N, C-alpha and C. Protein backbone atom coordinates (compact mmCIF):
# COMPACT_ATOMS: atom_id res chain seq x y z
N MET A 1 115.85 -1.40 182.37
CA MET A 1 115.10 -0.49 181.56
C MET A 1 114.92 0.85 182.29
N ILE A 2 114.67 0.79 183.58
CA ILE A 2 114.52 2.01 184.37
C ILE A 2 115.83 2.79 184.39
N LYS A 3 116.95 2.06 184.50
CA LYS A 3 118.26 2.71 184.51
C LYS A 3 118.51 3.42 183.18
N GLU A 4 118.20 2.75 182.07
CA GLU A 4 118.38 3.36 180.76
C GLU A 4 117.50 4.60 180.60
N PHE A 5 116.25 4.49 181.08
CA PHE A 5 115.34 5.63 181.00
C PHE A 5 115.88 6.81 181.80
N ARG A 6 116.38 6.54 183.00
CA ARG A 6 116.94 7.59 183.85
C ARG A 6 118.14 8.24 183.16
N GLU A 7 119.01 7.43 182.53
CA GLU A 7 120.15 7.98 181.80
C GLU A 7 119.68 8.85 180.63
N PHE A 8 118.65 8.40 179.94
CA PHE A 8 118.10 9.16 178.82
C PHE A 8 117.56 10.50 179.29
N ILE A 9 116.83 10.47 180.38
CA ILE A 9 116.21 11.70 180.91
C ILE A 9 117.27 12.68 181.40
N THR A 10 118.34 12.18 181.99
CA THR A 10 119.33 13.08 182.57
C THR A 10 120.40 13.52 181.57
N LYS A 11 120.32 13.06 180.33
CA LYS A 11 121.26 13.53 179.32
C LYS A 11 121.04 15.02 179.11
N GLY A 12 122.11 15.72 178.80
CA GLY A 12 122.04 17.16 178.60
C GLY A 12 121.07 17.58 177.53
N ASN A 13 121.00 16.82 176.43
CA ASN A 13 120.14 17.22 175.33
C ASN A 13 118.67 17.23 175.74
N VAL A 14 118.25 16.23 176.49
CA VAL A 14 116.85 16.15 176.91
C VAL A 14 116.53 17.28 177.89
N LEU A 15 117.44 17.51 178.82
CA LEU A 15 117.22 18.59 179.78
C LEU A 15 117.22 19.94 179.08
N ASP A 16 118.14 20.14 178.14
CA ASP A 16 118.16 21.39 177.39
C ASP A 16 116.86 21.59 176.62
N LEU A 17 116.37 20.52 176.02
CA LEU A 17 115.12 20.61 175.26
C LEU A 17 113.95 20.94 176.19
N ALA A 18 113.91 20.30 177.34
CA ALA A 18 112.82 20.57 178.29
C ALA A 18 112.85 22.02 178.75
N ILE A 19 114.04 22.51 179.05
CA ILE A 19 114.18 23.90 179.47
C ILE A 19 113.77 24.83 178.34
N ALA A 20 114.17 24.51 177.12
CA ALA A 20 113.81 25.35 175.97
C ALA A 20 112.30 25.39 175.76
N VAL A 21 111.63 24.25 175.94
CA VAL A 21 110.18 24.21 175.77
C VAL A 21 109.49 25.08 176.82
N VAL A 22 109.92 24.95 178.06
CA VAL A 22 109.31 25.74 179.14
C VAL A 22 109.57 27.23 178.92
N MET A 23 110.82 27.58 178.57
CA MET A 23 111.14 28.98 178.34
C MET A 23 110.42 29.50 177.10
N GLY A 24 110.28 28.66 176.08
CA GLY A 24 109.55 29.06 174.88
C GLY A 24 108.10 29.35 175.18
N ALA A 25 107.50 28.51 176.02
CA ALA A 25 106.10 28.74 176.40
C ALA A 25 105.97 30.05 177.18
N ALA A 26 106.89 30.29 178.10
CA ALA A 26 106.85 31.53 178.87
C ALA A 26 107.08 32.74 177.96
N PHE A 27 108.03 32.61 177.04
CA PHE A 27 108.30 33.71 176.10
C PHE A 27 107.10 33.93 175.20
N GLY A 28 106.43 32.85 174.82
CA GLY A 28 105.22 32.96 174.00
C GLY A 28 104.14 33.76 174.70
N LYS A 29 104.01 33.56 176.01
CA LYS A 29 103.03 34.33 176.78
C LYS A 29 103.40 35.81 176.81
N ILE A 30 104.69 36.08 176.93
CA ILE A 30 105.15 37.47 176.95
C ILE A 30 104.85 38.13 175.61
N VAL A 31 105.19 37.44 174.52
CA VAL A 31 104.96 38.00 173.18
C VAL A 31 103.47 38.17 172.93
N SER A 32 102.65 37.18 173.31
CA SER A 32 101.21 37.28 173.13
C SER A 32 100.64 38.46 173.90
N SER A 33 101.11 38.66 175.11
CA SER A 33 100.65 39.79 175.91
C SER A 33 101.09 41.10 175.28
N LEU A 34 102.32 41.16 174.81
CA LEU A 34 102.81 42.36 174.15
C LEU A 34 101.94 42.71 172.95
N VAL A 35 101.64 41.69 172.15
CA VAL A 35 100.83 41.93 170.94
C VAL A 35 99.40 42.29 171.31
N ALA A 36 98.77 41.51 172.20
CA ALA A 36 97.36 41.71 172.53
C ALA A 36 97.11 43.01 173.31
N ASN A 37 98.02 43.35 174.22
CA ASN A 37 97.76 44.46 175.13
C ASN A 37 98.45 45.77 174.76
N ILE A 38 99.45 45.71 173.91
CA ILE A 38 100.18 46.94 173.59
C ILE A 38 100.15 47.23 172.09
N ILE A 39 100.65 46.30 171.28
CA ILE A 39 100.81 46.57 169.86
C ILE A 39 99.47 46.63 169.13
N THR A 40 98.60 45.63 169.33
CA THR A 40 97.32 45.60 168.62
C THR A 40 96.45 46.82 168.93
N PRO A 41 96.32 47.23 170.20
CA PRO A 41 95.52 48.45 170.44
C PRO A 41 96.11 49.69 169.75
N LEU A 42 97.44 49.79 169.74
CA LEU A 42 98.05 50.94 169.07
C LEU A 42 97.80 50.90 167.57
N ILE A 43 97.90 49.72 166.97
CA ILE A 43 97.61 49.58 165.55
C ILE A 43 96.13 49.85 165.30
N GLY A 44 95.28 49.39 166.22
CA GLY A 44 93.85 49.66 166.11
C GLY A 44 93.55 51.14 166.07
N ILE A 45 94.28 51.91 166.88
CA ILE A 45 94.10 53.37 166.87
C ILE A 45 94.53 53.94 165.52
N LEU A 46 95.65 53.43 165.00
CA LEU A 46 96.17 53.95 163.74
C LEU A 46 95.25 53.63 162.56
N ILE A 47 94.62 52.45 162.57
CA ILE A 47 93.76 52.08 161.44
C ILE A 47 92.29 52.32 161.73
N GLY A 48 92.01 53.04 162.78
CA GLY A 48 90.63 53.44 163.07
C GLY A 48 89.82 52.39 163.79
N GLY A 49 90.45 51.51 164.54
CA GLY A 49 89.73 50.54 165.35
C GLY A 49 89.08 49.42 164.56
N VAL A 50 89.59 49.14 163.37
CA VAL A 50 89.01 48.08 162.55
C VAL A 50 89.36 46.72 163.17
N ASN A 51 88.34 45.90 163.36
CA ASN A 51 88.53 44.53 163.86
C ASN A 51 87.95 43.59 162.81
N PHE A 52 88.80 42.80 162.23
CA PHE A 52 88.38 41.93 161.13
C PHE A 52 87.66 40.66 161.60
N SER A 53 87.76 40.32 162.88
CA SER A 53 87.26 39.03 163.35
C SER A 53 85.75 38.87 163.22
N SER A 54 85.01 39.95 163.08
CA SER A 54 83.55 39.83 162.97
C SER A 54 83.08 39.68 161.52
N LEU A 55 83.99 39.75 160.55
CA LEU A 55 83.60 39.62 159.15
C LEU A 55 83.23 38.18 158.83
N SER A 56 82.10 38.00 158.17
CA SER A 56 81.67 36.66 157.80
C SER A 56 80.63 36.75 156.69
N PHE A 57 80.37 35.61 156.07
CA PHE A 57 79.26 35.51 155.12
C PHE A 57 78.64 34.13 155.25
N THR A 58 77.42 34.01 154.76
CA THR A 58 76.69 32.76 154.90
C THR A 58 76.51 32.12 153.53
N VAL A 59 76.78 30.82 153.50
CA VAL A 59 76.54 30.01 152.30
C VAL A 59 75.62 28.88 152.74
N GLY A 60 74.38 28.97 152.36
CA GLY A 60 73.41 27.99 152.84
C GLY A 60 73.25 28.14 154.34
N LYS A 61 73.50 27.05 155.07
CA LYS A 61 73.44 27.10 156.53
C LYS A 61 74.82 27.32 157.16
N ALA A 62 75.86 27.28 156.33
CA ALA A 62 77.22 27.44 156.84
C ALA A 62 77.59 28.91 156.94
N VAL A 63 78.23 29.26 158.05
CA VAL A 63 78.72 30.62 158.24
C VAL A 63 80.24 30.58 158.08
N VAL A 64 80.75 31.29 157.08
CA VAL A 64 82.19 31.36 156.82
C VAL A 64 82.72 32.61 157.50
N GLN A 65 83.51 32.40 158.53
CA GLN A 65 84.02 33.52 159.32
C GLN A 65 85.45 33.84 158.86
N TYR A 66 85.55 34.40 157.68
CA TYR A 66 86.87 34.70 157.12
C TYR A 66 87.56 35.83 157.88
N GLY A 67 86.84 36.63 158.60
CA GLY A 67 87.42 37.72 159.37
C GLY A 67 88.34 37.22 160.47
N GLN A 68 87.97 36.10 161.10
CA GLN A 68 88.84 35.53 162.14
C GLN A 68 90.15 35.07 161.53
N PHE A 69 90.08 34.52 160.30
CA PHE A 69 91.30 34.11 159.62
C PHE A 69 92.17 35.33 159.30
N VAL A 70 91.56 36.37 158.79
CA VAL A 70 92.30 37.59 158.48
C VAL A 70 92.93 38.15 159.74
N GLN A 71 92.18 38.16 160.85
CA GLN A 71 92.71 38.67 162.12
C GLN A 71 93.87 37.79 162.60
N ALA A 72 93.77 36.47 162.44
CA ALA A 72 94.85 35.57 162.83
C ALA A 72 96.11 35.83 162.01
N VAL A 73 95.94 36.09 160.71
CA VAL A 73 97.09 36.41 159.86
C VAL A 73 97.74 37.72 160.31
N ILE A 74 96.93 38.72 160.60
CA ILE A 74 97.46 40.00 161.08
C ILE A 74 98.19 39.81 162.41
N ASP A 75 97.59 39.04 163.32
CA ASP A 75 98.25 38.76 164.61
C ASP A 75 99.58 38.05 164.39
N PHE A 76 99.60 37.09 163.47
CA PHE A 76 100.84 36.36 163.16
C PHE A 76 101.91 37.32 162.66
N LEU A 77 101.54 38.21 161.76
CA LEU A 77 102.52 39.16 161.22
C LEU A 77 103.04 40.10 162.30
N ILE A 78 102.15 40.52 163.19
CA ILE A 78 102.57 41.39 164.29
C ILE A 78 103.52 40.64 165.23
N ILE A 79 103.16 39.42 165.59
CA ILE A 79 104.02 38.62 166.47
C ILE A 79 105.36 38.34 165.80
N SER A 80 105.33 37.99 164.53
CA SER A 80 106.58 37.72 163.81
C SER A 80 107.47 38.96 163.78
N PHE A 81 106.87 40.12 163.55
CA PHE A 81 107.66 41.35 163.53
C PHE A 81 108.23 41.65 164.91
N ALA A 82 107.43 41.43 165.96
CA ALA A 82 107.91 41.67 167.33
C ALA A 82 109.09 40.76 167.66
N ILE A 83 109.00 39.49 167.28
CA ILE A 83 110.10 38.55 167.52
C ILE A 83 111.31 38.94 166.69
N PHE A 84 111.08 39.35 165.43
CA PHE A 84 112.18 39.80 164.58
C PHE A 84 112.92 40.97 165.22
N MET A 85 112.18 41.94 165.72
CA MET A 85 112.81 43.10 166.35
C MET A 85 113.57 42.69 167.62
N PHE A 86 112.99 41.78 168.40
CA PHE A 86 113.67 41.30 169.60
C PHE A 86 114.98 40.62 169.23
N MET A 87 114.94 39.75 168.21
CA MET A 87 116.15 39.03 167.80
C MET A 87 117.18 39.99 167.21
N LYS A 88 116.71 41.01 166.51
CA LYS A 88 117.62 42.01 165.94
C LYS A 88 118.37 42.73 167.06
N VAL A 89 117.66 43.11 168.10
CA VAL A 89 118.30 43.77 169.25
C VAL A 89 119.24 42.80 169.96
N ALA A 90 118.78 41.57 170.18
CA ALA A 90 119.60 40.58 170.88
C ALA A 90 120.88 40.30 170.08
N ASN A 91 120.77 40.11 168.78
CA ASN A 91 121.95 39.86 167.95
C ASN A 91 122.90 41.04 167.97
N SER A 92 122.37 42.24 167.98
CA SER A 92 123.20 43.43 168.06
C SER A 92 123.99 43.46 169.36
N LEU A 93 123.32 43.12 170.46
CA LEU A 93 124.01 43.08 171.76
C LEU A 93 125.08 41.99 171.78
N ILE A 94 124.79 40.84 171.18
CA ILE A 94 125.76 39.74 171.13
C ILE A 94 126.97 40.15 170.31
N ARG A 95 126.74 40.81 169.15
CA ARG A 95 127.86 41.26 168.32
C ARG A 95 128.72 42.27 169.07
N LYS A 96 128.08 43.19 169.81
CA LYS A 96 128.85 44.16 170.59
C LYS A 96 129.70 43.47 171.64
N LYS A 97 129.11 42.47 172.30
CA LYS A 97 129.86 41.74 173.33
C LYS A 97 131.04 41.02 172.71
N GLN A 98 130.83 40.36 171.56
CA GLN A 98 131.92 39.66 170.89
C GLN A 98 133.00 40.64 170.44
N ALA A 99 132.61 41.81 169.95
CA ALA A 99 133.59 42.81 169.53
C ALA A 99 134.41 43.28 170.73
N ASN A 100 133.76 43.46 171.89
CA ASN A 100 134.48 43.87 173.10
C ASN A 100 135.45 42.79 173.53
N GLU A 101 135.04 41.52 173.43
CA GLU A 101 135.93 40.42 173.80
C GLU A 101 137.13 40.35 172.86
N GLU A 102 136.89 40.60 171.57
CA GLU A 102 138.00 40.59 170.62
C GLU A 102 138.96 41.73 170.90
N GLU A 103 138.43 42.90 171.29
CA GLU A 103 139.29 44.03 171.63
C GLU A 103 140.15 43.70 172.84
N VAL A 104 139.56 43.00 173.82
CA VAL A 104 140.32 42.62 175.01
C VAL A 104 141.43 41.64 174.62
N LEU A 105 141.12 40.69 173.73
CA LEU A 105 142.13 39.75 173.29
C LEU A 105 143.24 40.45 172.51
N GLU A 106 142.90 41.43 171.70
CA GLU A 106 143.89 42.15 170.92
C GLU A 106 144.75 43.05 171.79
N ALA A 107 144.27 43.40 172.96
CA ALA A 107 144.98 44.32 173.83
C ALA A 107 146.08 43.64 174.66
N ILE A 108 146.46 42.41 174.30
CA ILE A 108 147.51 41.70 175.03
C ILE A 108 148.85 42.39 174.73
N PRO A 109 149.63 42.71 175.77
CA PRO A 109 150.93 43.36 175.56
C PRO A 109 151.85 42.48 174.70
N ALA A 110 152.74 43.13 173.98
CA ALA A 110 153.64 42.42 173.07
C ALA A 110 154.50 41.40 173.82
N SER A 111 154.93 41.74 175.03
CA SER A 111 155.78 40.81 175.78
C SER A 111 155.03 39.52 176.09
N GLU A 112 153.76 39.64 176.44
CA GLU A 112 152.96 38.43 176.69
C GLU A 112 152.77 37.63 175.42
N GLN A 113 152.56 38.32 174.32
CA GLN A 113 152.39 37.63 173.05
C GLN A 113 153.65 36.85 172.70
N TYR A 114 154.82 37.45 172.91
CA TYR A 114 156.08 36.75 172.63
C TYR A 114 156.23 35.53 173.52
N LEU A 115 155.87 35.67 174.79
CA LEU A 115 155.94 34.54 175.71
C LEU A 115 155.01 33.41 175.27
N LYS A 116 153.82 33.75 174.80
CA LYS A 116 152.89 32.73 174.32
C LYS A 116 153.44 32.02 173.09
N GLU A 117 154.06 32.79 172.20
CA GLU A 117 154.64 32.18 171.00
C GLU A 117 155.79 31.24 171.37
N ILE A 118 156.62 31.63 172.32
CA ILE A 118 157.72 30.78 172.79
C ILE A 118 157.16 29.50 173.40
N ARG A 119 156.13 29.64 174.24
CA ARG A 119 155.49 28.47 174.85
C ARG A 119 154.96 27.53 173.78
N ASP A 120 154.28 28.07 172.78
CA ASP A 120 153.72 27.24 171.72
C ASP A 120 154.82 26.52 170.95
N LEU A 121 155.93 27.22 170.68
CA LEU A 121 157.05 26.58 169.98
C LEU A 121 157.67 25.46 170.82
N LEU A 122 157.82 25.71 172.11
CA LEU A 122 158.36 24.68 173.00
C LEU A 122 157.45 23.45 173.04
N GLN A 123 156.14 23.67 173.14
CA GLN A 123 155.20 22.55 173.15
C GLN A 123 155.26 21.79 171.84
N LYS A 124 155.38 22.49 170.74
CA LYS A 124 155.48 21.85 169.44
C LYS A 124 156.73 21.00 169.36
N ASN A 125 157.86 21.52 169.84
CA ASN A 125 159.12 20.77 169.82
C ASN A 125 159.06 19.54 170.72
N ILE A 126 158.40 19.67 171.87
CA ILE A 126 158.26 18.54 172.79
C ILE A 126 157.42 17.45 172.13
N ARG A 127 156.35 17.81 171.47
CA ARG A 127 155.51 16.82 170.78
C ARG A 127 156.28 16.12 169.67
N GLN A 128 157.08 16.88 168.93
CA GLN A 128 157.86 16.28 167.85
C GLN A 128 158.90 15.31 168.40
N ASP A 129 159.52 15.66 169.53
CA ASP A 129 160.51 14.77 170.16
C ASP A 129 159.84 13.50 170.66
N GLU A 130 158.62 13.60 171.18
CA GLU A 130 157.92 12.42 171.69
C GLU A 130 157.53 11.47 170.56
N THR A 131 157.21 11.99 169.41
CA THR A 131 156.81 11.14 168.30
C THR A 131 158.01 10.56 167.56
N SER A 132 159.19 11.11 167.77
CA SER A 132 160.40 10.62 167.08
C SER A 132 161.00 9.44 167.76
């Protein structure tokens, strides 16, 4: 049982998941700091320093703090937008890298391309002879 557990733990999927969770938590801290320390204060300046978290009303003895909910929704939207912008930039960089790699592949001289085609034809003929 210990051997099976060790094999399970050392499988790539489990390790990848563990790494993703740790990196996700670290990235979450970065995004939270970005929102709390940079974006929210700037938005606060733009909207006149309004903080919704103190809004509440009382029903009987219960205090309904709907302002904290509104503030949480606003924080969520800000965080979502920040992640969206990050992913937009990251995807743009990935597309540029892929385009550069495709350009490098297309830049193969014609003589090399002919040699590759000859090699592929020879391999195909060898496979056909082996199966016959």
